[in-house]
Amino acid sequence: MLSAAIQRTKKLRLGALTFCLPWYNPFRFYNEICMLDHMSGGRLELGVGRGVSPIESSYFFMKSIDESRERYRETLEVFFAACSGSVLNHEGKYFSYRDLELYLHPKQRPYPPLWFPSSDKNSIEFTAKHGYNTVLNTSAAEAGRLYAQYREVWARHKDDPGRHNAHVRAPKLGKSQHVFVADTDAEAARAGGAAYKVWSDHLTYLTRKLGQPDLLNVDPASPAAVTRLVTGAPGTVARKLAEVVRESGINYLMLVFSFGDLAPERAMRSMDLFVKEVMPVLRAGAA
């Protein structure tokens, strides 16, 4: 998908949130990232994580969350080591490489900007210490508290040696937000709400099928939901998003325009209205 997007764009920076590192062979992952970065002309953003779903991790033979975490960390260690030289040497619990010659390196040095999205409030110390760009799956109020903590930790450690994302001067602190814009509030609520219900049912399908607790609260009626659908005519959406930005303290807004069973033409119409009528209002407010 990223390769297809790279072919069709010239300036857009793009990436995945998230490459679930425990599911990858580290050497293959390294080479694919290098190729994507060169194919894009150095426009790749690199989101990494261990994956939030133990059910899905089990399909990749992860026996526990601890194993998943260990594999994530070791795969990242291999990636950093490969980016730092022309020969890869690594001896770990799960992977070993000795005198492996490397013929590819990322176009962006030392590697593309790193992202670490999370729904776990305990990860904020790690992401802030290393200066990762991040997107939180939390309520706006919770994001506001966590990003205040992030900025405090980042300020203390921004000059430490060995930081993973030291080549990024100003980290992006974001929040994921589903949006549907239509000509009227009523039309947007009806169409957007129905599509959001389909999306949330997909997200909770596996846990409910197996009788397990949902991993994330995405109930549109719950005040504790980690993401809330914003719908409305352009003026309504601009006002609601401005409230999200103020409450969450974010400096980066990651919007989801295509979700659930929205027809492509409806998603494109929503995006078109956003670009022409919502974005100028938000930019003026930010200024």
Foldseek 3Di string as FASTA:
>chain_A
DLLVVLVVDQPAQDEDQADQQLLDDLVVVLVVQQVSCVSNVNRYEHEYDNDLDPVVVVVSVDPDVVSSVVRRVVSVVQNLQVLPDQFGADDDDPDGGDRHGDDTAHPDPSHHQYEYEDQDLVCLLVCLLLVHAYEYLWALQVLQVSVVVSVVSNVVRLPPPPRPRNVDNHHFYEYEEEEAADQFQVVFCVQVVVQLVQQVCVQQVVCVVVVHDRSFACPQVDNGGSYHYQYGHQVRSLVVVVVSCVNNVGPDYHYDQDGGPDDPVRSVVRVVRCVPRRVVSNVVVVD
